[in-house]
Amino acid sequence: MRHLSSGRKLNRHSSSRIALARSQATALFKHGRIKTTITKAKNLQPFVEKLITTARRGDLHSRRLIARDIQDKEVQRKLMSEIAPSFATRPGGYTRIYRLGTRRGDAVQEAFIELVKDEG
């Protein structure tokens, strides 16, 4: 039974999972779209959405909370000045996952995870 066992382990220790999420979030904010496995994309999605929601506040405390997870200063500035204000009126759902199919080498399911462009 799977009672109260949430989250994906991704065959890593907790410090490695956190480092993976941080590096993938940095790459996603820098490039707007990254290619990864579906499991890693599903693991990354709530992490990124919480960072964007925190950045939307725009105060000093939120900047420091962002700096805890995003080490790159350029990406921090981009998140606080460009990405978060573009989602100011959106109540969530800042990312989208596109399934791509299987990878040829090991047949793992791949996906794109990208930031949603504002249609409004």
PDB file of N, CA and C in Angstrom:
ATOM      1  N   MET A   1       0.827  -1.180   0.000  1.00  0.00           N
ATOM      2  CA  MET A   1       0.000   0.000   0.000  1.00  0.00           C
ATOM      3  C   MET A   1       0.875   1.248   0.000  1.00  0.00           C
ATOM      4  N   ARG A   2       0.417   2.292  -0.650  1.00  0.00           N
ATOM      5  CA  ARG A   2       1.208   3.511  -0.795  1.00  0.00           C
ATOM      6  C   ARG A   2       0.705   4.654   0.076  1.00  0.00           C
ATOM      7  N   HIS A   3       0.206   4.391   1.238  1.00  0.00           N
ATOM      8  CA  HIS A   3      -0.347   5.454   2.062  1.00  0.00           C
ATOM      9  C   HIS A   3       0.728   6.446   2.481  1.00  0.00           C
ATOM     10  N   LEU A   4       0.463   7.723   2.274  1.00  0.00           N
ATOM     11  CA  LEU A   4       1.334   8.821   2.699  1.00  0.00           C
ATOM     12  C   LEU A   4       2.743   8.773   2.125  1.00  0.00           C
ATOM     13  N   SER A   5       2.946   8.081   1.020  1.00  0.00           N
ATOM     14  CA  SER A   5       4.274   8.055   0.404  1.00  0.00           C
ATOM     15  C   SER A   5       4.204   8.835  -0.900  1.00  0.00           C
ATOM     16  N   SER A   6       4.385  10.143  -0.791  1.00  0.00           N
ATOM     17  CA  SER A   6       4.272  10.996  -1.969  1.00  0.00           C
ATOM     18  C   SER A   6       5.652  11.359  -2.482  1.00  0.00           C
ATOM     19  N   GLY A   7       5.703  11.849  -3.688  1.00  0.00           N
ATOM     20  CA  GLY A   7       6.966  12.269  -4.274  1.00  0.00           C
ATOM     21  C   GLY A   7       7.658  11.141  -5.018  1.00  0.00           C
ATOM     22  N   ARG A   8       8.579  11.522  -5.886  1.00  0.00           N
ATOM     23  CA  ARG A   8       9.324  10.556  -6.676  1.00  0.00           C
ATOM     24  C   ARG A   8      10.769  10.547  -6.202  1.00  0.00           C
ATOM     25  N   LYS A   9      11.365   9.379  -6.070  1.00  0.00           N
ATOM     26  CA  LYS A   9      12.739   9.300  -5.588  1.00  0.00           C
ATOM     27  C   LYS A   9      13.760   9.428  -6.710  1.00  0.00           C
ATOM     28  N   LEU A  10      13.380   9.088  -7.923  1.00  0.00           N
ATOM     29  CA  LEU A  10      14.251   9.206  -9.098  1.00  0.00           C
ATOM     30  C   LEU A  10      15.572   8.463  -8.927  1.00  0.00           C
ATOM     31  N   ASN A  11      15.589   7.442  -8.075  1.00  0.00           N
ATOM     32  CA  ASN A  11      16.777   6.616  -7.837  1.00  0.00           C
ATOM     33  C   ASN A  11      17.971   7.454  -7.380  1.00  0.00           C
ATOM     34  N   ARG A  12      17.705   8.473  -6.538  1.00  0.00           N
ATOM     35  CA  ARG A  12      18.743   9.376  -6.036  1.00  0.00           C
ATOM     36  C   ARG A  12      18.543   9.627  -4.547  1.00  0.00           C
ATOM     37  N   HIS A  13      19.609  10.099  -3.904  1.00  0.00           N
ATOM     38  CA  HIS A  13      19.504  10.569  -2.524  1.00  0.00           C
ATOM     39  C   HIS A  13      18.794  11.918  -2.524  1.00  0.00           C
ATOM     40  N   SER A  14      18.343  12.358  -1.362  1.00  0.00           N
ATOM     41  CA  SER A  14      17.568  13.599  -1.298  1.00  0.00           C
ATOM     42  C   SER A  14      18.387  14.803  -1.747  1.00  0.00           C
ATOM     43  N   SER A  15      19.663  14.852  -1.399  1.00  0.00           N
ATOM     44  CA  SER A  15      20.491  15.989  -1.819  1.00  0.00           C
ATOM     45  C   SER A  15      20.663  16.010  -3.337  1.00  0.00           C
ATOM     46  N   SER A  16      20.756  14.845  -3.953  1.00  0.00           N
ATOM     47  CA  SER A  16      20.876  14.778  -5.411  1.00  0.00           C
ATOM     48  C   SER A  16      19.583  15.162  -6.105  1.00  0.00           C
ATOM     49  N   ARG A  17      18.441  14.794  -5.496  1.00  0.00           N
ATOM     50  CA  ARG A  17      17.144  15.193  -6.059  1.00  0.00           C
ATOM     51  C   ARG A  17      16.978  16.705  -6.004  1.00  0.00           C
ATOM     52  N   ILE A  18      17.377  17.319  -4.903  1.00  0.00           N
ATOM     53  CA  ILE A  18      17.268  18.766  -4.776  1.00  0.00           C
ATOM     54  C   ILE A  18      18.185  19.455  -5.776  1.00  0.00           C
ATOM     55  N   ALA A  19      19.411  18.949  -5.918  1.00  0.00           N
ATOM     56  CA  ALA A  19      20.359  19.532  -6.871  1.00  0.00           C
ATOM     57  C   ALA A  19      19.853  19.403  -8.300  1.00  0.00           C
ATOM     58  N   LEU A  20      19.233  18.268  -8.626  1.00  0.00           N
ATOM     59  CA  LEU A  20      18.669  18.067  -9.959  1.00  0.00           C
ATOM     60  C   LEU A  20      17.541  19.055 -10.220  1.00  0.00           C
ATOM     61  N   ALA A  21      16.644  19.227  -9.258  1.00  0.00           N
ATOM     62  CA  ALA A  21      15.526  20.160  -9.427  1.00  0.00           C
ATOM     63  C   ALA A  21      16.029  21.591  -9.586  1.00  0.00           C
ATOM     64  N   ARG A  22      17.023  21.964  -8.798  1.00  0.00           N
ATOM     65  CA  ARG A  22      17.560  23.322  -8.888  1.00  0.00           C
ATOM     66  C   ARG A  22      18.229  23.578 -10.232  1.00  0.00           C
ATOM     67  N   SER A  23      19.020  22.617 -10.710  1.00  0.00           N
ATOM     68  CA  SER A  23      19.707  22.824 -11.986  1.00  0.00           C
ATOM     69  C   SER A  23      18.728  22.814 -13.157  1.00  0.00           C
ATOM     70  N   GLN A  24      17.716  21.956 -13.098  1.00  0.00           N
ATOM     71  CA  GLN A  24      16.723  21.941 -14.171  1.00  0.00           C
ATOM     72  C   GLN A  24      15.870  23.211 -14.148  1.00  0.00           C
ATOM     73  N   ALA A  25      15.539  23.710 -12.960  1.00  0.00           N
ATOM     74  CA  ALA A  25      14.768  24.952 -12.863  1.00  0.00           C
ATOM     75  C   ALA A  25      15.576  26.117 -13.415  1.00  0.00           C
ATOM     76  N   THR A  26      16.875  26.160 -13.114  1.00  0.00           N
ATOM     77  CA  THR A  26      17.737  27.210 -13.646  1.00  0.00           C
ATOM     78  C   THR A  26      17.766  27.156 -15.173  1.00  0.00           C
ATOM     79  N   ALA A  27      17.908  25.962 -15.725  1.00  0.00           N
ATOM     80  CA  ALA A  27      17.932  25.807 -17.182  1.00  0.00           C
ATOM     81  C   ALA A  27      16.588  26.194 -17.798  1.00  0.00           C
ATOM     82  N   LEU A  28      15.497  25.847 -17.138  1.00  0.00           N
ATOM     83  CA  LEU A  28      14.169  26.185 -17.657  1.00  0.00           C
ATOM     84  C   LEU A  28      13.953  27.688 -17.667  1.00  0.00           C
ATOM     85  N   PHE A  29      14.359  28.381 -16.606  1.00  0.00           N
ATOM     86  CA  PHE A  29      14.198  29.833 -16.567  1.00  0.00           C
ATOM     87  C   PHE A  29      15.132  30.518 -17.558  1.00  0.00           C
ATOM     88  N   LYS A  30      16.294  29.934 -17.787  1.00  0.00           N
ATOM     89  CA  LYS A  30      17.258  30.540 -18.713  1.00  0.00           C
ATOM     90  C   LYS A  30      16.815  30.372 -20.166  1.00  0.00           C
ATOM     91  N   HIS A  31      16.326  29.185 -20.518  1.00  0.00           N
ATOM     92  CA  HIS A  31      16.018  28.883 -21.918  1.00  0.00           C
ATOM     93  C   HIS A  31      14.530  28.886 -22.242  1.00  0.00           C
ATOM     94  N   GLY A  32      13.666  28.785 -21.241  1.00  0.00           N
ATOM     95  CA  GLY A  32      12.229  28.790 -21.483  1.00  0.00           C
ATOM     96  C   GLY A  32      11.643  27.433 -21.782  1.00  0.00           C
ATOM     97  N   ARG A  33      12.507  26.467 -22.122  1.00  0.00           N
ATOM     98  CA  ARG A  33      12.033  25.132 -22.484  1.00  0.00           C
ATOM     99  C   ARG A  33      13.201  24.165 -22.389  1.00  0.00           C
ATOM    100  N   ILE A  34      12.980  23.007 -21.764  1.00  0.00           N
ATOM    101  CA  ILE A  34      14.035  21.999 -21.701  1.00  0.00           C
ATOM    102  C   ILE A  34      13.459  20.633 -22.045  1.00  0.00           C
ATOM    103  N   LYS A  35      14.326  19.756 -22.522  1.00  0.00           N
ATOM    104  CA  LYS A  35      13.941  18.397 -22.859  1.00  0.00           C
ATOM    105  C   LYS A  35      14.468  17.472 -21.771  1.00  0.00           C
ATOM    106  N   THR A  36      13.578  16.656 -21.216  1.00  0.00           N
ATOM    107  CA  THR A  36      13.951  15.750 -20.137  1.00  0.00           C
ATOM    108  C   THR A  36      13.017  14.545 -20.175  1.00  0.00           C
ATOM    109  N   THR A  37      13.118  13.684 -19.187  1.00  0.00           N
ATOM    110  CA  THR A  37      12.196  12.550 -19.126  1.00  0.00           C
ATOM    111  C   THR A  37      10.877  13.014 -18.512  1.00  0.00           C
ATOM    112  N   ILE A  38       9.825  12.262 -18.752  1.00  0.00           N
ATOM    113  CA  ILE A  38       8.514  12.631 -18.236  1.00  0.00           C
ATOM    114  C   ILE A  38       8.504  12.636 -16.714  1.00  0.00           C
ATOM    115  N   THR A  39       9.160  11.662 -16.100  1.00  0.00           N
ATOM    116  CA  THR A  39       9.187  11.591 -14.641  1.00  0.00           C
ATOM    117  C   THR A  39       9.904  12.789 -14.046  1.00  0.00           C
ATOM    118  N   LYS A  40      11.031  13.183 -14.629  1.00  0.00           N
ATOM    119  CA  LYS A  40      11.753  14.353 -14.131  1.00  0.00           C
ATOM    120  C   LYS A  40      10.958  15.628 -14.381  1.00  0.00           C
ATOM    121  N   ALA A  41      10.252  15.703 -15.493  1.00  0.00           N
ATOM    122  CA  ALA A  41       9.430  16.879 -15.783  1.00  0.00           C
ATOM    123  C   ALA A  41       8.283  16.998 -14.784  1.00  0.00           C
ATOM    124  N   LYS A  42       7.654  15.878 -14.454  1.00  0.00           N
ATOM    125  CA  LYS A  42       6.569  15.903 -13.473  1.00  0.00           C
ATOM    126  C   LYS A  42       7.083  16.243 -12.082  1.00  0.00           C
ATOM    127  N   ASN A  43       8.307  15.868 -11.802  1.00  0.00           N
ATOM    128  CA  ASN A  43       8.919  16.207 -10.522  1.00  0.00           C
ATOM    129  C   ASN A  43       9.311  17.685 -10.476  1.00  0.00           C
ATOM    130  N   LEU A  44       9.719  18.233 -11.621  1.00  0.00           N
ATOM    131  CA  LEU A  44      10.169  19.618 -11.706  1.00  0.00           C
ATOM    132  C   LEU A  44       9.008  20.607 -11.684  1.00  0.00           C
ATOM    133  N   GLN A  45       7.870  20.227 -12.230  1.00  0.00           N
ATOM    134  CA  GLN A  45       6.752  21.151 -12.409  1.00  0.00           C
ATOM    135  C   GLN A  45       6.305  21.850 -11.118  1.00  0.00           C
ATOM    136  N   PRO A  46       5.999  21.157 -10.024  1.00  0.00           N
ATOM    137  CA  PRO A  46       5.586  21.880  -8.822  1.00  0.00           C
ATOM    138  C   PRO A  46       6.703  22.722  -8.216  1.00  0.00           C
ATOM    139  N   PHE A  47       7.953  22.290  -8.367  1.00  0.00           N
ATOM    140  CA  PHE A  47       9.095  23.050  -7.861  1.00  0.00           C
ATOM    141  C   PHE A  47       9.173  24.405  -8.555  1.00  0.00           C
ATOM    142  N   VAL A  48       9.048  24.412  -9.881  1.00  0.00           N
ATOM    143  CA  VAL A  48       9.126  25.644 -10.663  1.00  0.00           C
ATOM    144  C   VAL A  48       7.910  26.536 -10.384  1.00  0.00           C
ATOM    145  N   GLU A  49       6.742  25.945 -10.279  1.00  0.00           N
ATOM    146  CA  GLU A  49       5.540  26.734 -10.044  1.00  0.00           C
ATOM    147  C   GLU A  49       5.599  27.446  -8.686  1.00  0.00           C
ATOM    148  N   LYS A  50       6.153  26.785  -7.674  1.00  0.00           N
ATOM    149  CA  LYS A  50       6.302  27.428  -6.370  1.00  0.00           C
ATOM    150  C   LYS A  50       7.311  28.573  -6.439  1.00  0.00           C
ATOM    151  N   LEU A  51       8.396  28.398  -7.209  1.00  0.00           N
ATOM    152  CA  LEU A  51       9.371  29.469  -7.356  1.00  0.00           C
ATOM    153  C   LEU A  51       8.751  30.690  -8.031  1.00  0.00           C
ATOM    154  N   ILE A  52       7.956  30.469  -9.077  1.00  0.00           N
ATOM    155  CA  ILE A  52       7.325  31.589  -9.782  1.00  0.00           C
ATOM    156  C   ILE A  52       6.316  32.292  -8.874  1.00  0.00           C
ATOM    157  N   THR A  53       5.534  31.521  -8.124  1.00  0.00           N
ATOM    158  CA  THR A  53       4.570  32.116  -7.202  1.00  0.00           C
ATOM    159  C   THR A  53       5.274  32.948  -6.142  1.00  0.00           C
ATOM    160  N   THR A  54       6.405  32.467  -5.649  1.00  0.00           N
ATOM    161  CA  THR A  54       7.194  33.233  -4.681  1.00  0.00           C
ATOM    162  C   THR A  54       7.737  34.504  -5.320  1.00  0.00           C
ATOM    163  N   ALA A  55       8.231  34.403  -6.552  1.00  0.00           N
ATOM    164  CA  ALA A  55       8.822  35.549  -7.238  1.00  0.00           C
ATOM    165  C   ALA A  55       7.776  36.606  -7.575  1.00  0.00           C
ATOM    166  N   ARG A  56       6.523  36.221  -7.697  1.00  0.00           N
ATOM    167  CA  ARG A  56       5.468  37.185  -8.027  1.00  0.00           C
ATOM    168  C   ARG A  56       5.296  38.240  -6.949  1.00  0.00           C
ATOM    169  N   ARG A  57       5.631  37.911  -5.694  1.00  0.00           N
ATOM    170  CA  ARG A  57       5.507  38.902  -4.625  1.00  0.00           C
ATOM    171  C   ARG A  57       6.466  40.063  -4.830  1.00  0.00           C
ATOM    172  N   GLY A  58       7.686  39.764  -5.255  1.00  0.00           N
ATOM    173  CA  GLY A  58       8.626  40.798  -5.642  1.00  0.00           C
ATOM    174  C   GLY A  58       9.318  41.537  -4.516  1.00  0.00           C
ATOM    175  N   ASP A  59       9.185  41.095  -3.275  1.00  0.00           N
ATOM    176  CA  ASP A  59       9.851  41.800  -2.176  1.00  0.00           C
ATOM    177  C   ASP A  59      11.222  41.176  -1.884  1.00  0.00           C
ATOM    178  N   LEU A  60      11.923  41.737  -0.918  1.00  0.00           N
ATOM    179  CA  LEU A  60      13.270  41.285  -0.599  1.00  0.00           C
ATOM    180  C   LEU A  60      13.277  39.851  -0.078  1.00  0.00           C
ATOM    181  N   HIS A  61      12.291  39.513   0.728  1.00  0.00           N
ATOM    182  CA  HIS A  61      12.237  38.162   1.271  1.00  0.00           C
ATOM    183  C   HIS A  61      12.052  37.126   0.160  1.00  0.00           C
ATOM    184  N   SER A  62      11.210  37.430  -0.808  1.00  0.00           N
ATOM    185  CA  SER A  62      11.027  36.486  -1.915  1.00  0.00           C
ATOM    186  C   SER A  62      12.293  36.379  -2.757  1.00  0.00           C
ATOM    187  N   ARG A  63      13.040  37.488  -2.918  1.00  0.00           N
ATOM    188  CA  ARG A  63      14.319  37.429  -3.634  1.00  0.00           C
ATOM    189  C   ARG A  63      15.296  36.492  -2.936  1.00  0.00           C
ATOM    190  N   ARG A  64      15.315  36.551  -1.613  1.00  0.00           N
ATOM    191  CA  ARG A  64      16.227  35.683  -0.872  1.00  0.00           C
ATOM    192  C   ARG A  64      15.785  34.227  -0.915  1.00  0.00           C
ATOM    193  N   LEU A  65      14.477  33.992  -0.911  1.00  0.00           N
ATOM    194  CA  LEU A  65      13.986  32.624  -1.046  1.00  0.00           C
ATOM    195  C   LEU A  65      14.319  32.060  -2.430  1.00  0.00           C
ATOM    196  N   ILE A  66      14.219  32.896  -3.463  1.00  0.00           N
ATOM    197  CA  ILE A  66      14.582  32.476  -4.819  1.00  0.00           C
ATOM    198  C   ILE A  66      16.079  32.179  -4.895  1.00  0.00           C
ATOM    199  N   ALA A  67      16.899  33.042  -4.271  1.00  0.00           N
ATOM    200  CA  ALA A  67      18.352  32.878  -4.316  1.00  0.00           C
ATOM    201  C   ALA A  67      18.800  31.598  -3.628  1.00  0.00           C
ATOM    202  N   ARG A  68      17.976  31.066  -2.740  1.00  0.00           N
ATOM    203  CA  ARG A  68      18.301  29.805  -2.088  1.00  0.00           C
ATOM    204  C   ARG A  68      18.335  28.655  -3.096  1.00  0.00           C
ATOM    205  N   ASP A  69      17.455  28.698  -4.091  1.00  0.00           N
ATOM    206  CA  ASP A  69      17.349  27.608  -5.060  1.00  0.00           C
ATOM    207  C   ASP A  69      17.991  27.921  -6.403  1.00  0.00           C
ATOM    208  N   ILE A  70      17.996  29.167  -6.822  1.00  0.00           N
ATOM    209  CA  ILE A  70      18.578  29.567  -8.109  1.00  0.00           C
ATOM    210  C   ILE A  70      19.870  30.320  -7.822  1.00  0.00           C
ATOM    211  N   GLN A  71      21.006  29.707  -8.128  1.00  0.00           N
ATOM    212  CA  GLN A  71      22.302  30.291  -7.786  1.00  0.00           C
ATOM    213  C   GLN A  71      22.779  31.307  -8.818  1.00  0.00           C
ATOM    214  N   ASP A  72      22.341  31.182 -10.058  1.00  0.00           N
ATOM    215  CA  ASP A  72      22.792  32.045 -11.146  1.00  0.00           C
ATOM    216  C   ASP A  72      22.138  33.429 -11.021  1.00  0.00           C
ATOM    217  N   LYS A  73      22.958  34.474 -10.889  1.00  0.00           N
ATOM    218  CA  LYS A  73      22.447  35.834 -10.673  1.00  0.00           C
ATOM    219  C   LYS A  73      21.637  36.331 -11.867  1.00  0.00           C
ATOM    220  N   GLU A  74      22.079  36.006 -13.081  1.00  0.00           N
ATOM    221  CA  GLU A  74      21.346  36.436 -14.281  1.00  0.00           C
ATOM    222  C   GLU A  74      19.955  35.803 -14.318  1.00  0.00           C
ATOM    223  N   VAL A  75      19.874  34.540 -13.985  1.00  0.00           N
ATOM    224  CA  VAL A  75      18.583  33.846 -13.992  1.00  0.00           C
ATOM    225  C   VAL A  75      17.689  34.384 -12.877  1.00  0.00           C
ATOM    226  N   GLN A  76      18.277  34.728 -11.731  1.00  0.00           N
ATOM    227  CA  GLN A  76      17.490  35.344 -10.652  1.00  0.00           C
ATOM    228  C   GLN A  76      16.869  36.655 -11.131  1.00  0.00           C
ATOM    229  N   ARG A  77      17.685  37.487 -11.781  1.00  0.00           N
ATOM    230  CA  ARG A  77      17.171  38.762 -12.284  1.00  0.00           C
ATOM    231  C   ARG A  77      16.086  38.552 -13.328  1.00  0.00           C
ATOM    232  N   LYS A  78      16.313  37.585 -14.222  1.00  0.00           N
ATOM    233  CA  LYS A  78      15.321  37.316 -15.262  1.00  0.00           C
ATOM    234  C   LYS A  78      14.007  36.830 -14.649  1.00  0.00           C
ATOM    235  N   LEU A  79      14.098  35.961 -13.645  1.00  0.00           N
ATOM    236  CA  LEU A  79      12.894  35.452 -12.984  1.00  0.00           C
ATOM    237  C   LEU A  79      12.128  36.568 -12.296  1.00  0.00           C
ATOM    238  N   MET A  80      12.834  37.435 -11.577  1.00  0.00           N
ATOM    239  CA  MET A  80      12.166  38.493 -10.817  1.00  0.00           C
ATOM    240  C   MET A  80      11.661  39.632 -11.697  1.00  0.00           C
ATOM    241  N   SER A  81      12.384  39.955 -12.785  1.00  0.00           N
ATOM    242  CA  SER A  81      12.014  41.132 -13.574  1.00  0.00           C
ATOM    243  C   SER A  81      11.216  40.821 -14.836  1.00  0.00           C
ATOM    244  N   GLU A  82      11.347  39.622 -15.402  1.00  0.00           N
ATOM    245  CA  GLU A  82      10.646  39.305 -16.652  1.00  0.00           C
ATOM    246  C   GLU A  82       9.593  38.214 -16.482  1.00  0.00           C
ATOM    247  N   ILE A  83       9.995  37.078 -15.921  1.00  0.00           N
ATOM    248  CA  ILE A  83       9.108  35.911 -15.885  1.00  0.00           C
ATOM    249  C   ILE A  83       7.956  36.112 -14.902  1.00  0.00           C
ATOM    250  N   ALA A  84       8.261  36.476 -13.662  1.00  0.00           N
ATOM    251  CA  ALA A  84       7.205  36.625 -12.645  1.00  0.00           C
ATOM    252  C   ALA A  84       6.194  37.718 -13.000  1.00  0.00           C
ATOM    253  N   PRO A  85       6.613  38.913 -13.476  1.00  0.00           N
ATOM    254  CA  PRO A  85       5.595  39.905 -13.848  1.00  0.00           C
ATOM    255  C   PRO A  85       4.713  39.472 -15.024  1.00  0.00           C
ATOM    256  N   SER A  86       5.234  38.614 -15.910  1.00  0.00           N
ATOM    257  CA  SER A  86       4.403  38.167 -17.031  1.00  0.00           C
ATOM    258  C   SER A  86       3.285  37.236 -16.575  1.00  0.00           C
ATOM    259  N   PHE A  87       3.439  36.625 -15.392  1.00  0.00           N
ATOM    260  CA  PHE A  87       2.410  35.743 -14.843  1.00  0.00           C
ATOM    261  C   PHE A  87       1.633  36.409 -13.704  1.00  0.00           C
ATOM    262  N   ALA A  88       1.649  37.743 -13.630  1.00  0.00           N
ATOM    263  CA  ALA A  88       1.062  38.459 -12.493  1.00  0.00           C
ATOM    264  C   ALA A  88      -0.436  38.202 -12.336  1.00  0.00           C
ATOM    265  N   THR A  89      -1.152  38.063 -13.437  1.00  0.00           N
ATOM    266  CA  THR A  89      -2.595  37.872 -13.339  1.00  0.00           C
ATOM    267  C   THR A  89      -3.016  36.415 -13.488  1.00  0.00           C
ATOM    268  N   ARG A  90      -2.066  35.541 -13.764  1.00  0.00           N
ATOM    269  CA  ARG A  90      -2.386  34.128 -13.966  1.00  0.00           C
ATOM    270  C   ARG A  90      -2.429  33.415 -12.609  1.00  0.00           C
ATOM    271  N   PRO A  91      -3.482  32.687 -12.305  1.00  0.00           N
ATOM    272  CA  PRO A  91      -3.617  32.073 -10.978  1.00  0.00           C
ATOM    273  C   PRO A  91      -2.928  30.717 -10.832  1.00  0.00           C
ATOM    274  N   GLY A  92      -1.935  30.428 -11.629  1.00  0.00           N
ATOM    275  CA  GLY A  92      -1.238  29.144 -11.557  1.00  0.00           C
ATOM    276  C   GLY A  92      -1.123  28.541 -12.939  1.00  0.00           C
ATOM    277  N   GLY A  93      -0.516  27.382 -13.023  1.00  0.00           N
ATOM    278  CA  GLY A  93      -0.357  26.711 -14.301  1.00  0.00           C
ATOM    279  C   GLY A  93       0.635  27.422 -15.197  1.00  0.00           C
ATOM    280  N   TYR A  94       1.846  27.655 -14.683  1.00  0.00           N
ATOM    281  CA  TYR A  94       2.841  28.422 -15.420  1.00  0.00           C
ATOM    282  C   TYR A  94       3.672  27.560 -16.365  1.00  0.00           C
ATOM    283  N   THR A  95       3.574  26.249 -16.237  1.00  0.00           N
ATOM    284  CA  THR A  95       4.376  25.354 -17.080  1.00  0.00           C
ATOM    285  C   THR A  95       3.477  24.374 -17.823  1.00  0.00           C
ATOM    286  N   ARG A  96       4.037  23.825 -18.880  1.00  0.00           N
ATOM    287  CA  ARG A  96       3.311  22.864 -19.711  1.00  0.00           C
ATOM    288  C   ARG A  96       4.277  21.727 -20.059  1.00  0.00           C
ATOM    289  N   ILE A  97       3.765  20.496 -20.059  1.00  0.00           N
ATOM    290  CA  ILE A  97       4.581  19.331 -20.409  1.00  0.00           C
ATOM    291  C   ILE A  97       4.047  18.732 -21.702  1.00  0.00           C
ATOM    292  N   TYR A  98       4.939  18.615 -22.705  1.00  0.00           N
ATOM    293  CA  TYR A  98       4.624  17.953 -23.960  1.00  0.00           C
ATOM    294  C   TYR A  98       5.335  16.609 -24.005  1.00  0.00           C
ATOM    295  N   ARG A  99       4.600  15.552 -24.268  1.00  0.00           N
ATOM    296  CA  ARG A  99       5.219  14.231 -24.393  1.00  0.00           C
ATOM    297  C   ARG A  99       5.800  14.081 -25.794  1.00  0.00           C
ATOM    298  N   LEU A 100       6.989  13.492 -25.878  1.00  0.00           N
ATOM    299  CA  LEU A 100       7.685  13.367 -27.154  1.00  0.00           C
ATOM    300  C   LEU A 100       7.768  11.944 -27.678  1.00  0.00           C
ATOM    301  N   GLY A 101       7.644  10.961 -26.839  1.00  0.00           N
ATOM    302  CA  GLY A 101       7.813   9.583 -27.266  1.00  0.00           C
ATOM    303  C   GLY A 101       8.996   8.968 -26.541  1.00  0.00           C
ATOM    304  N   THR A 102       9.476   7.853 -27.061  1.00  0.00           N
ATOM    305  CA  THR A 102      10.534   7.129 -26.366  1.00  0.00           C
ATOM    306  C   THR A 102      11.912   7.484 -26.913  1.00  0.00           C
ATOM    307  N   ARG A 103      12.890   7.464 -26.017  1.00  0.00           N
ATOM    308  CA  ARG A 103      14.280   7.692 -26.397  1.00  0.00           C
ATOM    309  C   ARG A 103      14.830   6.400 -26.977  1.00  0.00           C
ATOM    310  N   ARG A 104      15.664   6.510 -27.982  1.00  0.00           N
ATOM    311  CA  ARG A 104      16.104   5.345 -28.715  1.00  0.00           C
ATOM    312  C   ARG A 104      17.029   4.437 -27.903  1.00  0.00           C
ATOM    313  N   GLY A 105      17.883   5.006 -27.073  1.00  0.00           N
ATOM    314  CA  GLY A 105      18.866   4.206 -26.369  1.00  0.00           C
ATOM    315  C   GLY A 105      18.297   3.311 -25.295  1.00  0.00           C
ATOM    316  N   ASP A 106      17.407   3.846 -24.451  1.00  0.00           N
ATOM    317  CA  ASP A 106      16.905   3.069 -23.323  1.00  0.00           C
ATOM    318  C   ASP A 106      15.380   3.025 -23.252  1.00  0.00           C
ATOM    319  N   ALA A 107      14.711   3.538 -24.257  1.00  0.00           N
ATOM    320  CA  ALA A 107      13.249   3.477 -24.384  1.00  0.00           C
ATOM    321  C   ALA A 107      12.527   4.171 -23.238  1.00  0.00           C
ATOM    322  N   VAL A 108      13.136   5.219 -22.675  1.00  0.00           N
ATOM    323  CA  VAL A 108      12.458   5.982 -21.632  1.00  0.00           C
ATOM    324  C   VAL A 108      11.606   7.063 -22.304  1.00  0.00           C
ATOM    325  N   GLN A 109      10.471   7.389 -21.690  1.00  0.00           N
ATOM    326  CA  GLN A 109       9.571   8.400 -22.239  1.00  0.00           C
ATOM    327  C   GLN A 109      10.183   9.786 -22.045  1.00  0.00           C
ATOM    328  N   GLU A 110      10.250  10.580 -23.101  1.00  0.00           N
ATOM    329  CA  GLU A 110      10.813  11.921 -23.035  1.00  0.00           C
ATOM    330  C   GLU A 110       9.713  12.969 -23.160  1.00  0.00           C
ATOM    331  N   ALA A 111      10.043  14.194 -22.712  1.00  0.00           N
ATOM    332  CA  ALA A 111       9.067  15.275 -22.757  1.00  0.00           C
ATOM    333  C   ALA A 111       9.779  16.620 -22.790  1.00  0.00           C
ATOM    334  N   PHE A 112       9.067  17.623 -23.305  1.00  0.00           N
ATOM    335  CA  PHE A 112       9.484  19.010 -23.168  1.00  0.00           C
ATOM    336  C   PHE A 112       8.703  19.584 -22.007  1.00  0.00           C
ATOM    337  N   ILE A 113       9.365  20.366 -21.162  1.00  0.00           N
ATOM    338  CA  ILE A 113       8.668  21.179 -20.177  1.00  0.00           C
ATOM    339  C   ILE A 113       9.002  22.615 -20.505  1.00  0.00           C
ATOM    340  N   GLU A 114       7.975  23.455 -20.610  1.00  0.00           N
ATOM    341  CA  GLU A 114       8.189  24.837 -21.020  1.00  0.00           C
ATOM    342  C   GLU A 114       7.324  25.767 -20.202  1.00  0.00           C
ATOM    343  N   LEU A 115       7.737  27.027 -20.184  1.00  0.00           N
ATOM    344  CA  LEU A 115       6.941  28.068 -19.555  1.00  0.00           C
ATOM    345  C   LEU A 115       5.829  28.473 -20.498  1.00  0.00           C
ATOM    346  N   VAL A 116       4.634  28.641 -19.992  1.00  0.00           N
ATOM    347  CA  VAL A 116       3.476  28.984 -20.796  1.00  0.00           C
ATOM    348  C   VAL A 116       3.581  30.436 -21.214  1.00  0.00           C
ATOM    349  N   LYS A 117       3.339  30.705 -22.463  1.00  0.00           N
ATOM    350  CA  LYS A 117       3.288  32.096 -22.958  1.00  0.00           C
ATOM    351  C   LYS A 117       1.908  32.645 -22.660  1.00  0.00           C
ATOM    352  N   ASP A 118       1.859  33.905 -22.281  1.00  0.00           N
ATOM    353  CA  ASP A 118       0.590  34.534 -21.947  1.00  0.00           C
ATOM    354  C   ASP A 118      -0.162  34.878 -23.232  1.00  0.00           C
ATOM    355  N   GLU A 119      -1.387  34.353 -23.352  1.00  0.00           N
ATOM    356  CA  GLU A 119      -2.199  34.609 -24.547  1.00  0.00           C
ATOM    357  C   GLU A 119      -2.978  35.906 -24.452  1.00  0.00           C
ATOM    358  N   GLY A 120      -3.014  36.506 -23.271  1.00  0.00           N
ATOM    359  CA  GLY A 120      -3.848  37.676 -23.049  1.00  0.00           C
ATOM    360  C   GLY A 120      -3.213  38.979 -23.371  1.00  0.00           C
TER     361      GLY A 120
END
